[in-house]
Amino acid sequence: MDRIEIRNGATGELKTFKEKELLRKWIDEARSIKITPDPSQEKRTGFRYSANLYEGDQLKFGFTDSQIGNVYILPSEQLHNQLKSLFES
């Protein structure tokens, strides 16, 4: 990945991170987070943070702290904290 864009869902503020070592470390840590699909897949809106991972100008992977792809996930404080930590760095 060349960059990660994190958006704060409350403010709409977008931050971009491009430092290779920071990206590598963040991705390695994020991989260990256990994600559980929400048994209720009813449509909903909103998120606290979203992340888009890019290679060049191509979006490779995007998610929020409440949805990955078309699957809603149960709240994960670990995922939220991971996104918030990068956003606030």
C-alpha atoms as a PDB file:
ATOM      1  CA  MET A   1       0.000   0.000   0.000  1.00  0.00           C
ATOM      2  CA  ASP A   2       1.192   3.488  -0.851  1.00  0.00           C
ATOM      3  CA  ARG A   3      -1.243   5.435   1.288  1.00  0.00           C
ATOM      4  CA  ILE A   4      -4.124   5.173   3.705  1.00  0.00           C
ATOM      5  CA  GLU A   5      -6.883   7.728   3.949  1.00  0.00           C
ATOM      6  CA  ILE A   6      -8.799   7.867   7.227  1.00  0.00           C
ATOM      7  CA  ARG A   7     -12.038   9.851   7.523  1.00  0.00           C
ATOM      8  CA  ASN A   8     -13.604  10.916  10.792  1.00  0.00           C
ATOM      9  CA  GLY A   9     -17.311  10.152  10.457  1.00  0.00           C
ATOM     10  CA  ALA A  10     -18.321  12.819  12.991  1.00  0.00           C
ATOM     11  CA  THR A  11     -16.475  15.736  11.384  1.00  0.00           C
ATOM     12  CA  GLY A  12     -15.872  14.565   7.811  1.00  0.00           C
ATOM     13  CA  GLU A  13     -12.190  15.422   8.211  1.00  0.00           C
ATOM     14  CA  LEU A  14      -9.892  13.353   5.973  1.00  0.00           C
ATOM     15  CA  LYS A  15      -6.241  12.613   6.700  1.00  0.00           C
ATOM     16  CA  THR A  16      -3.785  10.893   4.379  1.00  0.00           C
ATOM     17  CA  PHE A  17      -0.798   8.840   5.538  1.00  0.00           C
ATOM     18  CA  LYS A  18       2.051   7.894   3.198  1.00  0.00           C
ATOM     19  CA  GLU A  19       5.021   7.031   5.415  1.00  0.00           C
ATOM     20  CA  LYS A  20       6.003   3.462   4.437  1.00  0.00           C
ATOM     21  CA  GLU A  21       7.070   2.289   7.908  1.00  0.00           C
ATOM     22  CA  LEU A  22       3.932   3.715   9.536  1.00  0.00           C
ATOM     23  CA  LEU A  23       1.726   2.025   6.906  1.00  0.00           C
ATOM     24  CA  ARG A  24       3.480  -1.315   7.276  1.00  0.00           C
ATOM     25  CA  LYS A  25       3.201  -1.255  11.071  1.00  0.00           C
ATOM     26  CA  TRP A  26      -0.447  -0.167  11.017  1.00  0.00           C
ATOM     27  CA  ILE A  27      -1.448  -2.858   8.505  1.00  0.00           C
ATOM     28  CA  ASP A  28       0.422  -5.553  10.457  1.00  0.00           C
ATOM     29  CA  GLU A  29      -1.402  -4.569  13.651  1.00  0.00           C
ATOM     30  CA  ALA A  30      -4.785  -4.312  11.919  1.00  0.00           C
ATOM     31  CA  ARG A  31      -4.454  -7.842  10.523  1.00  0.00           C
ATOM     32  CA  SER A  32      -4.618  -9.313  14.029  1.00  0.00           C
ATOM     33  CA  ILE A  33      -7.969  -7.702  14.875  1.00  0.00           C
ATOM     34  CA  LYS A  34     -10.822 -10.183  15.163  1.00  0.00           C
ATOM     35  CA  ILE A  35     -13.842  -9.037  13.167  1.00  0.00           C
ATOM     36  CA  THR A  36     -17.267 -10.586  13.715  1.00  0.00           C
ATOM     37  CA  PRO A  37     -20.132 -10.192  11.234  1.00  0.00           C
ATOM     38  CA  ASP A  38     -23.237  -8.686  12.805  1.00  0.00           C
ATOM     39  CA  PRO A  39     -26.030 -11.293  12.861  1.00  0.00           C
ATOM     40  CA  SER A  40     -28.402  -8.483  11.863  1.00  0.00           C
ATOM     41  CA  GLN A  41     -27.491  -7.351   8.376  1.00  0.00           C
ATOM     42  CA  GLU A  42     -30.238  -4.720   8.253  1.00  0.00           C
ATOM     43  CA  LYS A  43     -29.234  -1.613   6.310  1.00  0.00           C
ATOM     44  CA  ARG A  44     -27.798   1.234   8.380  1.00  0.00           C
ATOM     45  CA  THR A  45     -25.853   4.437   7.940  1.00  0.00           C
ATOM     46  CA  GLY A  46     -22.982   6.197   9.665  1.00  0.00           C
ATOM     47  CA  PHE A  47     -19.549   5.321  10.969  1.00  0.00           C
ATOM     48  CA  ARG A  48     -16.999   6.687  13.407  1.00  0.00           C
ATOM     49  CA  TYR A  49     -14.014   6.154  11.082  1.00  0.00           C
ATOM     50  CA  SER A  50     -13.474   4.850   7.578  1.00  0.00           C
ATOM     51  CA  ALA A  51     -10.269   3.761   5.888  1.00  0.00           C
ATOM     52  CA  ASN A  52      -9.283   3.481   2.233  1.00  0.00           C
ATOM     53  CA  LEU A  53      -6.040   1.758   1.285  1.00  0.00           C
ATOM     54  CA  TYR A  54      -4.451   2.700  -2.037  1.00  0.00           C
ATOM     55  CA  GLU A  55      -1.751   1.373  -4.299  1.00  0.00           C
ATOM     56  CA  GLY A  56      -0.888   4.254  -6.579  1.00  0.00           C
ATOM     57  CA  ASP A  57      -4.203   5.836  -7.496  1.00  0.00           C
ATOM     58  CA  GLN A  58      -6.084   2.542  -7.273  1.00  0.00           C
ATOM     59  CA  LEU A  59      -8.288   1.829  -4.258  1.00  0.00           C
ATOM     60  CA  LYS A  60      -7.350  -1.663  -3.070  1.00  0.00           C
ATOM     61  CA  PHE A  61      -9.467  -1.968   0.061  1.00  0.00           C
ATOM     62  CA  GLY A  62     -11.932   0.207   1.906  1.00  0.00           C
ATOM     63  CA  PHE A  63     -13.926  -0.284   5.105  1.00  0.00           C
ATOM     64  CA  THR A  64     -15.516   1.465   8.050  1.00  0.00           C
ATOM     65  CA  ASP A  65     -15.598   0.534  11.700  1.00  0.00           C
ATOM     66  CA  SER A  66     -19.128  -0.795  11.107  1.00  0.00           C
ATOM     67  CA  GLN A  67     -18.938  -2.375   7.645  1.00  0.00           C
ATOM     68  CA  ILE A  68     -16.460  -4.288   5.514  1.00  0.00           C
ATOM     69  CA  GLY A  69     -17.558  -4.711   1.931  1.00  0.00           C
ATOM     70  CA  ASN A  70     -21.275  -5.461   2.029  1.00  0.00           C
ATOM     71  CA  VAL A  71     -21.096  -7.023   5.501  1.00  0.00           C
ATOM     72  CA  TYR A  72     -21.993  -5.127   8.659  1.00  0.00           C
ATOM     73  CA  ILE A  73     -19.750  -6.008  11.587  1.00  0.00           C
ATOM     74  CA  LEU A  74     -20.217  -5.981  15.331  1.00  0.00           C
ATOM     75  CA  PRO A  75     -18.579  -3.034  17.105  1.00  0.00           C
ATOM     76  CA  SER A  76     -14.892  -3.657  17.758  1.00  0.00           C
ATOM     77  CA  GLU A  77     -13.170  -1.288  20.152  1.00  0.00           C
ATOM     78  CA  GLN A  78      -9.849  -2.687  18.937  1.00  0.00           C
ATOM     79  CA  LEU A  79     -10.651  -1.716  15.332  1.00  0.00           C
ATOM     80  CA  HIS A  80     -12.030   1.657  16.422  1.00  0.00           C
ATOM     81  CA  ASN A  81      -8.914   2.361  18.492  1.00  0.00           C
ATOM     82  CA  GLN A  82      -6.646   1.325  15.617  1.00  0.00           C
ATOM     83  CA  LEU A  83      -8.376   3.739  13.223  1.00  0.00           C
ATOM     84  CA  LYS A  84      -8.574   6.538  15.800  1.00  0.00           C
ATOM     85  CA  SER A  85      -4.915   6.145  16.728  1.00  0.00           C
ATOM     86  CA  LEU A  86      -3.759   6.533  13.137  1.00  0.00           C
ATOM     87  CA  PHE A  87      -6.160   9.430  12.513  1.00  0.00           C
ATOM     88  CA  GLU A  88      -4.897  11.288  15.582  1.00  0.00           C
ATOM     89  CA  SER A  89      -1.190  10.641  14.883  1.00  0.00           C
END
